[in-house]
Protein backbone atom coordinates (compact mmCIF):
# COMPACT_ATOMS: atom_id res chain seq x y z
CA UNK A 1 -8.50 -2.35 5.66
CA UNK A 2 -13.00 -2.65 6.20
CA UNK A 3 -12.97 -3.80 9.81
CA UNK A 4 -16.81 -5.08 11.39
CA UNK A 5 -17.81 -2.43 13.42
CA UNK A 6 -20.39 -5.09 15.40
CA UNK A 7 -22.59 -1.96 16.75
CA UNK A 8 -23.20 -0.87 13.53
CA UNK A 9 -23.66 -4.59 12.56
CA UNK A 10 -21.79 -3.26 9.11
CA UNK A 11 -18.47 -3.45 7.68
CA UNK A 12 -15.75 0.66 8.35
CA UNK A 13 -13.14 1.52 6.45
CA UNK A 14 -10.62 2.49 8.05
CA UNK A 15 -6.81 4.14 7.36
CA UNK A 16 -3.80 2.45 7.18
CA UNK A 17 -0.18 3.29 7.12
CA UNK A 18 -0.22 4.50 3.24
CA UNK A 19 -2.65 7.82 4.22
CA UNK A 20 0.59 9.74 5.25
CA UNK A 21 2.57 13.28 3.34
CA UNK A 22 5.67 10.14 3.67
CA UNK A 23 6.31 6.55 3.55
CA UNK A 24 8.93 4.45 4.72
CA UNK A 25 9.13 1.52 2.43
CA UNK A 26 11.93 -1.51 3.43
CA UNK A 27 12.66 -4.09 1.16
CA UNK A 28 9.59 -3.78 -1.43
CA UNK A 29 11.28 -6.55 -3.25
CA UNK A 30 10.32 -9.05 -0.78
CA UNK A 31 7.08 -8.50 -0.81
CA UNK A 32 4.02 -9.89 -2.54
CA UNK A 33 3.97 -8.42 -5.70
CA UNK A 34 0.64 -7.67 -4.82
CA UNK A 35 1.71 -5.92 -2.47
CA UNK A 36 4.51 -4.27 -5.34
CA UNK A 37 0.95 -2.62 -6.85
CA UNK A 38 -1.04 -1.78 -4.82
CA UNK A 39 2.07 0.73 -3.48
CA UNK A 40 2.32 1.10 -7.60
CA UNK A 41 -0.77 1.93 -7.55
CA UNK A 42 -0.63 4.68 -4.26
CA UNK A 43 2.55 6.03 -6.29
CA UNK A 44 1.28 6.40 -9.56
CA UNK A 45 -1.91 7.24 -9.35
CA UNK A 46 -2.28 9.24 -6.10
CA UNK A 47 -5.30 6.58 -4.50
CA UNK A 48 -5.90 3.42 -2.59
CA UNK A 49 -8.24 1.02 -4.07
CA UNK A 50 -10.03 -0.81 -0.93
CA UNK A 51 -13.18 -3.42 -1.79
CA UNK A 52 -13.90 -1.47 -4.80
CA UNK A 53 -13.78 2.15 -3.63
CA UNK A 54 -11.87 3.93 -4.35
CA UNK A 55 -10.07 6.63 -1.26
CA UNK A 56 -7.75 9.32 -2.33
CA UNK A 57 -4.56 10.23 -1.10
CA UNK A 58 -2.94 13.33 0.55
CA UNK A 59 -1.96 15.75 -1.95
CA UNK A 60 1.79 16.10 -1.07
CA UNK A 61 2.15 11.71 -0.74
CA UNK A 62 6.14 10.27 -1.23
CA UNK A 63 7.45 7.07 -0.94
CA UNK A 64 11.33 6.67 0.34
CA UNK A 65 12.07 3.02 -0.78
CA UNK A 66 15.00 0.18 -0.08
CA UNK A 67 15.34 -3.06 -2.17
CA UNK A 68 17.37 -6.21 -1.44
CA UNK A 69 19.60 -7.64 -4.59
CA UNK A 70 17.17 -10.06 -6.93
CA UNK A 71 20.36 -12.25 -6.18
CA UNK A 72 19.35 -13.11 -3.31
CA UNK A 73 16.78 -15.74 -1.96
CA UNK A 74 12.73 -14.24 -1.85
CA UNK A 75 13.16 -11.39 -3.80
CA UNK A 76 11.00 -10.41 -6.57
CA UNK A 77 11.49 -9.03 -9.63
CA UNK A 78 10.29 -4.97 -9.72
CA UNK A 79 7.82 -3.91 -12.61
């Protein structure tokens, strides 16, 4: 995410938890479609786009995820 640096007076990119080799994602179908789309970009394209800038993920990148049955309330269908 981009965080405002008051000393420099500009936004700086700070890599988040997705910049890892193994990402554990629990109940991914409870996340919003926008979050699911971001995770799919990471898995398919090995990159993250933040504020129009693309950042490459580590060469070894794997997602281990769980999902809830679609019949449960508050779940979104996965593509």
